[in-house]
Amino acid sequence: MIEFSIDESVLDRHPAVAVLGFLAEVASLAGNLDTIAILPTPFPPPDSLASHPLLAPWRAAAKAGGLKPSEFRSSPEQLVRRWLLGKEIRTEIPLVDLYCAVSVSYIVPLGAYDVDRLPGSRIELRIARSTDHFSPLGSNSMPVDRPVVVYACGDTILCFNFNHRDSAETCLLADTRRAVFFGEAITIDQTDALEKAMADLRSRLARGGAHLGRLVSASSSKRSVELNLEVSTLSE
């Protein structure tokens, strides 16, 4: 079981924040996962991404955390920009390819962490602290001294600036057995898109043979939730 909570400091800054998450047993996944992006119509042109209603709020969130928005782009903006440049989004980990494809399809942030690599069972969405440590995936350093919103487990940052960069210590691996998936929104429009993306992600995982736990939602009305591997139906 994973306990997840949103700290009040995040809600003070982003009152409409919502996080959807679920646990999944992925050890028995088939190798032919559906990792094809279904692009929205019309797909946004490159010169409009910064002002797109699903992406602009993430730039504002980066600025609120003391970061330069053009340097610390949200994961969906990074992925969409790569797609528009004709760069195939492929890694050596099918699960990562899967949630990246869904992320591009709905222009929303999605991420996942290896449950067995987490340093504890409590995950928070909170403001970074001076005692935190972070090993950013594919990068030497990140400005963790800024008031940035992070996913954290104890003093370990799992993801920086909401969804900008994952940790090398807790990211998914090729042999991951159990994963916890998260997606977040800070506006109503983003929440609507996120709910559709999560439904698509869970459907693709189920078709691939994953065992899914119940989908849960945290927000201002319910800041703390529990995620477990109790098998659920996709309609939940």
C-alpha atoms as a PDB file:
ATOM      1  CA  MET A   1       0.000   0.000   0.000  1.00  0.00           C
ATOM      2  CA  ILE A   2       1.131   3.550  -0.780  1.00  0.00           C
ATOM      3  CA  GLU A   3      -0.127   6.571   1.144  1.00  0.00           C
ATOM      4  CA  PHE A   4      -0.295   9.725  -0.955  1.00  0.00           C
ATOM      5  CA  SER A   5      -1.033  13.270   0.146  1.00  0.00           C
ATOM      6  CA  ILE A   6      -1.016  16.829  -1.145  1.00  0.00           C
ATOM      7  CA  ASP A   7       0.557  19.331   1.227  1.00  0.00           C
ATOM      8  CA  GLU A   8      -1.429  22.447   2.089  1.00  0.00           C
ATOM      9  CA  SER A   9       1.376  24.642   0.765  1.00  0.00           C
ATOM     10  CA  VAL A  10       0.733  23.267  -2.733  1.00  0.00           C
ATOM     11  CA  LEU A  11      -2.997  23.885  -2.416  1.00  0.00           C
ATOM     12  CA  ASP A  12      -2.328  27.445  -1.275  1.00  0.00           C
ATOM     13  CA  ARG A  13      -0.431  28.065  -4.516  1.00  0.00           C
ATOM     14  CA  HIS A  14      -2.584  25.881  -6.791  1.00  0.00           C
ATOM     15  CA  PRO A  15      -6.104  25.590  -5.315  1.00  0.00           C
ATOM     16  CA  ALA A  16      -7.439  23.491  -8.205  1.00  0.00           C
ATOM     17  CA  VAL A  17      -4.646  20.902  -8.107  1.00  0.00           C
ATOM     18  CA  ALA A  18      -5.757  17.289  -8.572  1.00  0.00           C
ATOM     19  CA  VAL A  19      -3.687  14.110  -8.630  1.00  0.00           C
ATOM     20  CA  LEU A  20      -4.895  10.782 -10.003  1.00  0.00           C
ATOM     21  CA  GLY A  21      -2.963   7.623  -9.214  1.00  0.00           C
ATOM     22  CA  PHE A  22      -3.019   3.857  -9.023  1.00  0.00           C
ATOM     23  CA  LEU A  23      -0.775   0.892  -8.335  1.00  0.00           C
ATOM     24  CA  ALA A  24      -0.178  -1.835 -10.906  1.00  0.00           C
ATOM     25  CA  GLU A  25       1.452  -5.247 -10.929  1.00  0.00           C
ATOM     26  CA  VAL A  26       3.373  -5.157 -14.204  1.00  0.00           C
ATOM     27  CA  ALA A  27       5.698  -8.170 -13.976  1.00  0.00           C
ATOM     28  CA  SER A  28       3.428 -10.227 -16.246  1.00  0.00           C
ATOM     29  CA  LEU A  29       2.991  -7.600 -18.952  1.00  0.00           C
ATOM     30  CA  ALA A  30       3.105  -8.845 -22.507  1.00  0.00           C
ATOM     31  CA  GLY A  31       5.797  -7.466 -24.777  1.00  0.00           C
ATOM     32  CA  ASN A  32       3.320  -6.003 -27.290  1.00  0.00           C
ATOM     33  CA  LEU A  33       2.040  -3.019 -25.320  1.00  0.00           C
ATOM     34  CA  ASP A  34       0.037  -0.443 -27.238  1.00  0.00           C
ATOM     35  CA  THR A  35       2.465   2.484 -27.328  1.00  0.00           C
ATOM     36  CA  ILE A  36       0.951   4.307 -30.300  1.00  0.00           C
ATOM     37  CA  ALA A  37      -0.029   7.907 -29.669  1.00  0.00           C
ATOM     38  CA  ILE A  38      -3.506   8.938 -30.799  1.00  0.00           C
ATOM     39  CA  LEU A  39      -2.984  12.574 -31.658  1.00  0.00           C
ATOM     40  CA  PRO A  40      -5.637  15.178 -30.856  1.00  0.00           C
ATOM     41  CA  THR A  41      -7.207  17.019 -33.781  1.00  0.00           C
ATOM     42  CA  PRO A  42      -6.047  19.624 -34.420  1.00  0.00           C
ATOM     43  CA  PHE A  43      -2.631  19.016 -32.894  1.00  0.00           C
ATOM     44  CA  PRO A  44      -1.076  22.295 -31.654  1.00  0.00           C
ATOM     45  CA  PRO A  45       1.630  23.854 -33.872  1.00  0.00           C
ATOM     46  CA  PRO A  46       5.064  24.457 -32.306  1.00  0.00           C
ATOM     47  CA  ASP A  47       4.667  28.226 -32.058  1.00  0.00           C
ATOM     48  CA  SER A  48       1.492  27.907 -29.978  1.00  0.00           C
ATOM     49  CA  LEU A  49       2.680  25.469 -27.310  1.00  0.00           C
ATOM     50  CA  ALA A  50       3.666  28.076 -24.738  1.00  0.00           C
ATOM     51  CA  SER A  51       0.114  29.484 -24.753  1.00  0.00           C
ATOM     52  CA  HIS A  52      -1.783  26.215 -25.150  1.00  0.00           C
ATOM     53  CA  PRO A  53      -4.438  25.929 -22.398  1.00  0.00           C
ATOM     54  CA  LEU A  54      -3.152  22.525 -21.298  1.00  0.00           C
ATOM     55  CA  LEU A  55       0.505  23.624 -21.241  1.00  0.00           C
ATOM     56  CA  ALA A  56       0.580  27.309 -20.264  1.00  0.00           C
ATOM     57  CA  PRO A  57      -0.417  26.572 -16.627  1.00  0.00           C
ATOM     58  CA  TRP A  58       2.693  24.409 -16.201  1.00  0.00           C
ATOM     59  CA  ARG A  59       4.849  27.306 -17.348  1.00  0.00           C
ATOM     60  CA  ALA A  60       3.140  29.509 -14.764  1.00  0.00           C
ATOM     61  CA  ALA A  61       3.771  26.841 -12.120  1.00  0.00           C
ATOM     62  CA  ALA A  62       7.478  26.743 -12.975  1.00  0.00           C
ATOM     63  CA  LYS A  63       7.668  30.534 -12.645  1.00  0.00           C
ATOM     64  CA  ALA A  64       5.885  30.377  -9.292  1.00  0.00           C
ATOM     65  CA  GLY A  65       8.576  27.931  -8.152  1.00  0.00           C
ATOM     66  CA  GLY A  66      11.374  30.342  -9.039  1.00  0.00           C
ATOM     67  CA  LEU A  67      12.285  28.658 -12.319  1.00  0.00           C
ATOM     68  CA  LYS A  68      12.590  29.941 -15.883  1.00  0.00           C
ATOM     69  CA  PRO A  69       9.622  28.341 -17.686  1.00  0.00           C
ATOM     70  CA  SER A  70      11.413  27.955 -21.032  1.00  0.00           C
ATOM     71  CA  GLU A  71      14.221  25.989 -19.353  1.00  0.00           C
ATOM     72  CA  PHE A  72      12.055  23.801 -17.096  1.00  0.00           C
ATOM     73  CA  ARG A  73       9.293  22.726 -19.445  1.00  0.00           C
ATOM     74  CA  SER A  74       6.604  20.331 -18.298  1.00  0.00           C
ATOM     75  CA  SER A  75       6.885  16.725 -19.426  1.00  0.00           C
ATOM     76  CA  PRO A  76       3.930  16.980 -21.847  1.00  0.00           C
ATOM     77  CA  GLU A  77       5.426  20.062 -23.490  1.00  0.00           C
ATOM     78  CA  GLN A  78       8.781  18.326 -23.832  1.00  0.00           C
ATOM     79  CA  LEU A  79       7.143  15.257 -25.385  1.00  0.00           C
ATOM     80  CA  VAL A  80       4.903  17.229 -27.743  1.00  0.00           C
ATOM     81  CA  ARG A  81       7.855  19.298 -28.944  1.00  0.00           C
ATOM     82  CA  ARG A  82       9.821  16.120 -29.665  1.00  0.00           C
ATOM     83  CA  TRP A  83       6.863  14.671 -31.537  1.00  0.00           C
ATOM     84  CA  LEU A  84       6.446  17.793 -33.664  1.00  0.00           C
ATOM     85  CA  LEU A  85      10.135  17.630 -34.567  1.00  0.00           C
ATOM     86  CA  GLY A  86       9.596  14.113 -35.865  1.00  0.00           C
ATOM     87  CA  LYS A  87      11.621  12.497 -33.098  1.00  0.00           C
ATOM     88  CA  GLU A  88      10.266   9.081 -32.173  1.00  0.00           C
ATOM     89  CA  ILE A  89       9.555   8.769 -28.458  1.00  0.00           C
ATOM     90  CA  ARG A  90      11.206   5.470 -27.641  1.00  0.00           C
ATOM     91  CA  THR A  91      13.180   4.219 -24.661  1.00  0.00           C
ATOM     92  CA  GLU A  92      14.426   0.785 -23.652  1.00  0.00           C
ATOM     93  CA  ILE A  93      11.487   0.427 -21.256  1.00  0.00           C
ATOM     94  CA  PRO A  94       8.082  -0.398 -22.809  1.00  0.00           C
ATOM     95  CA  LEU A  95       6.184   0.939 -19.776  1.00  0.00           C
ATOM     96  CA  VAL A  96       7.794   4.344 -20.209  1.00  0.00           C
ATOM     97  CA  ASP A  97       7.009   4.308 -23.932  1.00  0.00           C
ATOM     98  CA  LEU A  98       3.418   3.484 -23.031  1.00  0.00           C
ATOM     99  CA  TYR A  99       2.753   6.367 -20.667  1.00  0.00           C
ATOM    100  CA  CYS A 100       4.660   8.777 -22.924  1.00  0.00           C
ATOM    101  CA  ALA A 101       2.381   7.833 -25.833  1.00  0.00           C
ATOM    102  CA  VAL A 102      -0.696   8.484 -23.710  1.00  0.00           C
ATOM    103  CA  SER A 103       0.802  11.726 -22.428  1.00  0.00           C
ATOM    104  CA  VAL A 104       1.273  13.011 -25.988  1.00  0.00           C
ATOM    105  CA  SER A 105      -2.208  11.861 -26.990  1.00  0.00           C
ATOM    106  CA  TYR A 106      -3.923  13.971 -24.329  1.00  0.00           C
ATOM    107  CA  ILE A 107      -1.221  16.623 -23.708  1.00  0.00           C
ATOM    108  CA  VAL A 108      -1.128  15.813 -20.002  1.00  0.00           C
ATOM    109  CA  PRO A 109       1.660  14.796 -17.605  1.00  0.00           C
ATOM    110  CA  LEU A 110       1.931  11.135 -16.634  1.00  0.00           C
ATOM    111  CA  GLY A 111       4.659   9.424 -14.650  1.00  0.00           C
ATOM    112  CA  ALA A 112       5.455   6.240 -12.796  1.00  0.00           C
ATOM    113  CA  TYR A 113       7.835   5.000 -10.119  1.00  0.00           C
ATOM    114  CA  ASP A 114       9.167   1.583  -9.178  1.00  0.00           C
ATOM    115  CA  VAL A 115       7.439   0.684  -5.908  1.00  0.00           C
ATOM    116  CA  ASP A 116      10.242  -1.651  -4.823  1.00  0.00           C
ATOM    117  CA  ARG A 117      12.827   1.134  -5.214  1.00  0.00           C
ATOM    118  CA  LEU A 118      10.945   3.690  -3.122  1.00  0.00           C
ATOM    119  CA  PRO A 119      12.575   4.550   0.232  1.00  0.00           C
ATOM    120  CA  GLY A 120       9.213   4.374   2.008  1.00  0.00           C
ATOM    121  CA  SER A 121       5.480   3.961   1.562  1.00  0.00           C
ATOM    122  CA  ARG A 122       4.423   7.606   1.869  1.00  0.00           C
ATOM    123  CA  ILE A 123       4.545   9.951  -1.110  1.00  0.00           C
ATOM    124  CA  GLU A 124       3.784  13.665  -0.911  1.00  0.00           C
ATOM    125  CA  LEU A 125       3.223  16.417  -3.413  1.00  0.00           C
ATOM    126  CA  ARG A 126       4.859  19.310  -1.585  1.00  0.00           C
ATOM    127  CA  ILE A 127       7.310  22.197  -1.782  1.00  0.00           C
ATOM    128  CA  ALA A 128      10.983  21.188  -1.939  1.00  0.00           C
ATOM    129  CA  ARG A 129      12.949  21.394   1.322  1.00  0.00           C
ATOM    130  CA  SER A 130      16.587  22.158   2.096  1.00  0.00           C
ATOM    131  CA  THR A 131      16.990  18.624   3.476  1.00  0.00           C
ATOM    132  CA  ASP A 132      15.850  16.956   0.245  1.00  0.00           C
ATOM    133  CA  HIS A 133      18.155  15.090  -2.100  1.00  0.00           C
ATOM    134  CA  PHE A 134      17.580  14.462  -5.783  1.00  0.00           C
ATOM    135  CA  SER A 135      19.343  12.383  -8.430  1.00  0.00           C
ATOM    136  CA  PRO A 136      17.788  13.705 -11.648  1.00  0.00           C
ATOM    137  CA  LEU A 137      17.501  11.236 -14.488  1.00  0.00           C
ATOM    138  CA  GLY A 138      19.816  12.240 -17.323  1.00  0.00           C
ATOM    139  CA  SER A 139      21.050  15.413 -15.609  1.00  0.00           C
ATOM    140  CA  ASN A 140      23.833  16.316 -13.200  1.00  0.00           C
ATOM    141  CA  SER A 141      21.908  18.773 -11.075  1.00  0.00           C
ATOM    142  CA  MET A 142      18.658  20.641 -10.501  1.00  0.00           C
ATOM    143  CA  PRO A 143      18.046  23.805  -8.411  1.00  0.00           C
ATOM    144  CA  VAL A 144      16.442  22.075  -5.427  1.00  0.00           C
ATOM    145  CA  ASP A 145      16.923  25.224  -3.346  1.00  0.00           C
ATOM    146  CA  ARG A 146      13.936  26.857  -5.080  1.00  0.00           C
ATOM    147  CA  PRO A 147      10.326  26.695  -3.775  1.00  0.00           C
ATOM    148  CA  VAL A 148       9.477  24.104  -6.414  1.00  0.00           C
ATOM    149  CA  VAL A 149       6.593  21.628  -6.194  1.00  0.00           C
ATOM    150  CA  VAL A 150       7.932  18.074  -6.056  1.00  0.00           C
ATOM    151  CA  TYR A 151       6.816  14.501  -5.560  1.00  0.00           C
ATOM    152  CA  ALA A 152       8.784  13.242  -2.575  1.00  0.00           C
ATOM    153  CA  CYS A 153       9.118  10.119  -0.458  1.00  0.00           C
ATOM    154  CA  GLY A 154      10.684  11.196   2.809  1.00  0.00           C
ATOM    155  CA  ASP A 155      13.663  13.374   1.865  1.00  0.00           C
ATOM    156  CA  THR A 156      13.982  11.792  -1.585  1.00  0.00           C
ATOM    157  CA  ILE A 157      12.595  13.781  -4.507  1.00  0.00           C
ATOM    158  CA  LEU A 158      10.881  11.461  -7.002  1.00  0.00           C
ATOM    159  CA  CYS A 159      10.001  14.121  -9.554  1.00  0.00           C
ATOM    160  CA  PHE A 160      11.017  17.792  -9.787  1.00  0.00           C
ATOM    161  CA  ASN A 161       8.802  20.770 -10.678  1.00  0.00           C
ATOM    162  CA  PHE A 162       5.590  18.711 -10.672  1.00  0.00           C
ATOM    163  CA  ASN A 163       6.525  16.587 -13.689  1.00  0.00           C
ATOM    164  CA  HIS A 164       9.669  18.077 -15.228  1.00  0.00           C
ATOM    165  CA  ARG A 165      12.263  15.434 -14.316  1.00  0.00           C
ATOM    166  CA  ASP A 166      12.203  12.008 -12.626  1.00  0.00           C
ATOM    167  CA  SER A 167      14.738  10.604 -10.193  1.00  0.00           C
ATOM    168  CA  ALA A 168      17.233   7.990 -11.360  1.00  0.00           C
ATOM    169  CA  GLU A 169      16.805   6.290  -7.971  1.00  0.00           C
ATOM    170  CA  THR A 170      13.103   5.500  -8.308  1.00  0.00           C
ATOM    171  CA  CYS A 171      12.308   5.533 -12.042  1.00  0.00           C
ATOM    172  CA  LEU A 172      10.955   2.491 -13.828  1.00  0.00           C
ATOM    173  CA  LEU A 173      13.391  -0.181 -14.968  1.00  0.00           C
ATOM    174  CA  ALA A 174      13.071  -2.963 -17.510  1.00  0.00           C
ATOM    175  CA  ASP A 175      12.527  -5.471 -14.682  1.00  0.00           C
ATOM    176  CA  THR A 176      10.113  -3.375 -12.588  1.00  0.00           C
ATOM    177  CA  ARG A 177       7.503  -5.626 -10.958  1.00  0.00           C
ATOM    178  CA  ARG A 178       5.231  -3.086  -9.279  1.00  0.00           C
ATOM    179  CA  ALA A 179       4.675   0.487 -10.384  1.00  0.00           C
ATOM    180  CA  VAL A 180       2.750   3.441  -9.036  1.00  0.00           C
ATOM    181  CA  PHE A 181       1.357   5.754 -11.714  1.00  0.00           C
ATOM    182  CA  PHE A 182       0.486   9.415 -11.207  1.00  0.00           C
ATOM    183  CA  GLY A 183      -0.875  12.250 -13.276  1.00  0.00           C
ATOM    184  CA  GLU A 184      -1.678  15.749 -12.098  1.00  0.00           C
ATOM    185  CA  ALA A 185      -3.592  18.847 -13.115  1.00  0.00           C
ATOM    186  CA  ILE A 186      -3.817  22.401 -11.821  1.00  0.00           C
ATOM    187  CA  THR A 187      -6.804  23.646 -13.864  1.00  0.00           C
ATOM    188  CA  ILE A 188     -10.271  22.277 -14.618  1.00  0.00           C
ATOM    189  CA  ASP A 189      -9.432  21.836 -18.324  1.00  0.00           C
ATOM    190  CA  GLN A 190      -6.336  19.857 -17.393  1.00  0.00           C
ATOM    191  CA  THR A 191      -8.345  17.686 -14.990  1.00  0.00           C
ATOM    192  CA  ASP A 192     -10.813  16.753 -17.725  1.00  0.00           C
ATOM    193  CA  ALA A 193      -7.965  15.771 -20.064  1.00  0.00           C
ATOM    194  CA  LEU A 194      -6.175  13.897 -17.281  1.00  0.00           C
ATOM    195  CA  GLU A 195      -9.206  11.761 -16.488  1.00  0.00           C
ATOM    196  CA  LYS A 196      -9.422  10.695 -20.143  1.00  0.00           C
ATOM    197  CA  ALA A 197      -5.698   9.988 -20.281  1.00  0.00           C
ATOM    198  CA  MET A 198      -5.803   7.859 -17.150  1.00  0.00           C
ATOM    199  CA  ALA A 199      -8.702   5.820 -18.522  1.00  0.00           C
ATOM    200  CA  ASP A 200      -6.745   5.217 -21.735  1.00  0.00           C
ATOM    201  CA  LEU A 201      -3.549   4.310 -19.856  1.00  0.00           C
ATOM    202  CA  ARG A 202      -5.354   1.846 -17.612  1.00  0.00           C
ATOM    203  CA  SER A 203      -7.105   0.273 -20.601  1.00  0.00           C
ATOM    204  CA  ARG A 204      -3.800  -0.247 -22.424  1.00  0.00           C
ATOM    205  CA  LEU A 205      -2.169  -1.687 -19.316  1.00  0.00           C
ATOM    206  CA  ALA A 206      -5.067  -4.077 -18.740  1.00  0.00           C
ATOM    207  CA  ARG A 207      -4.954  -5.276 -22.354  1.00  0.00           C
ATOM    208  CA  GLY A 208      -1.250  -5.937 -21.891  1.00  0.00           C
ATOM    209  CA  GLY A 209      -1.888  -8.155 -18.868  1.00  0.00           C
ATOM    210  CA  ALA A 210      -1.231  -5.816 -15.932  1.00  0.00           C
ATOM    211  CA  HIS A 211      -3.172  -6.178 -12.673  1.00  0.00           C
ATOM    212  CA  LEU A 212      -4.499  -2.758 -11.740  1.00  0.00           C
ATOM    213  CA  GLY A 213      -5.333  -1.323  -8.365  1.00  0.00           C
ATOM    214  CA  ARG A 214      -8.184   1.110  -7.843  1.00  0.00           C
ATOM    215  CA  LEU A 215      -7.847   4.575  -9.390  1.00  0.00           C
ATOM    216  CA  VAL A 216      -7.813   7.222  -6.646  1.00  0.00           C
ATOM    217  CA  SER A 217      -7.983  11.005  -6.695  1.00  0.00           C
ATOM    218  CA  ALA A 218      -6.500  13.579  -4.327  1.00  0.00           C
ATOM    219  CA  SER A 219      -7.474  17.257  -4.302  1.00  0.00           C
ATOM    220  CA  SER A 220      -8.503  20.045  -1.944  1.00  0.00           C
ATOM    221  CA  SER A 221     -11.570  18.039  -0.907  1.00  0.00           C
ATOM    222  CA  LYS A 222      -9.515  14.942  -0.066  1.00  0.00           C
ATOM    223  CA  ARG A 223      -5.834  15.630   0.442  1.00  0.00           C
ATOM    224  CA  SER A 224      -4.797  12.095   1.497  1.00  0.00           C
ATOM    225  CA  VAL A 225      -5.576   8.807  -0.249  1.00  0.00           C
ATOM    226  CA  GLU A 226      -4.392   5.200  -0.152  1.00  0.00           C
ATOM    227  CA  LEU A 227      -3.285   3.257  -3.207  1.00  0.00           C
ATOM    228  CA  ASN A 228      -3.277  -0.529  -3.136  1.00  0.00           C
ATOM    229  CA  LEU A 229      -3.237  -3.504  -5.467  1.00  0.00           C
ATOM    230  CA  GLU A 230      -6.779  -4.583  -4.767  1.00  0.00           C
ATOM    231  CA  VAL A 231      -7.914  -5.520  -8.270  1.00  0.00           C
ATOM    232  CA  SER A 232     -10.471  -3.072  -9.636  1.00  0.00           C
ATOM    233  CA  THR A 233     -12.647  -2.666 -12.685  1.00  0.00           C
ATOM    234  CA  LEU A 234     -11.639  -0.131 -15.314  1.00  0.00           C
ATOM    235  CA  SER A 235     -14.788   1.876 -14.623  1.00  0.00           C
ATOM    236  CA  GLU A 236     -13.564   2.762 -11.123  1.00  0.00           C
END
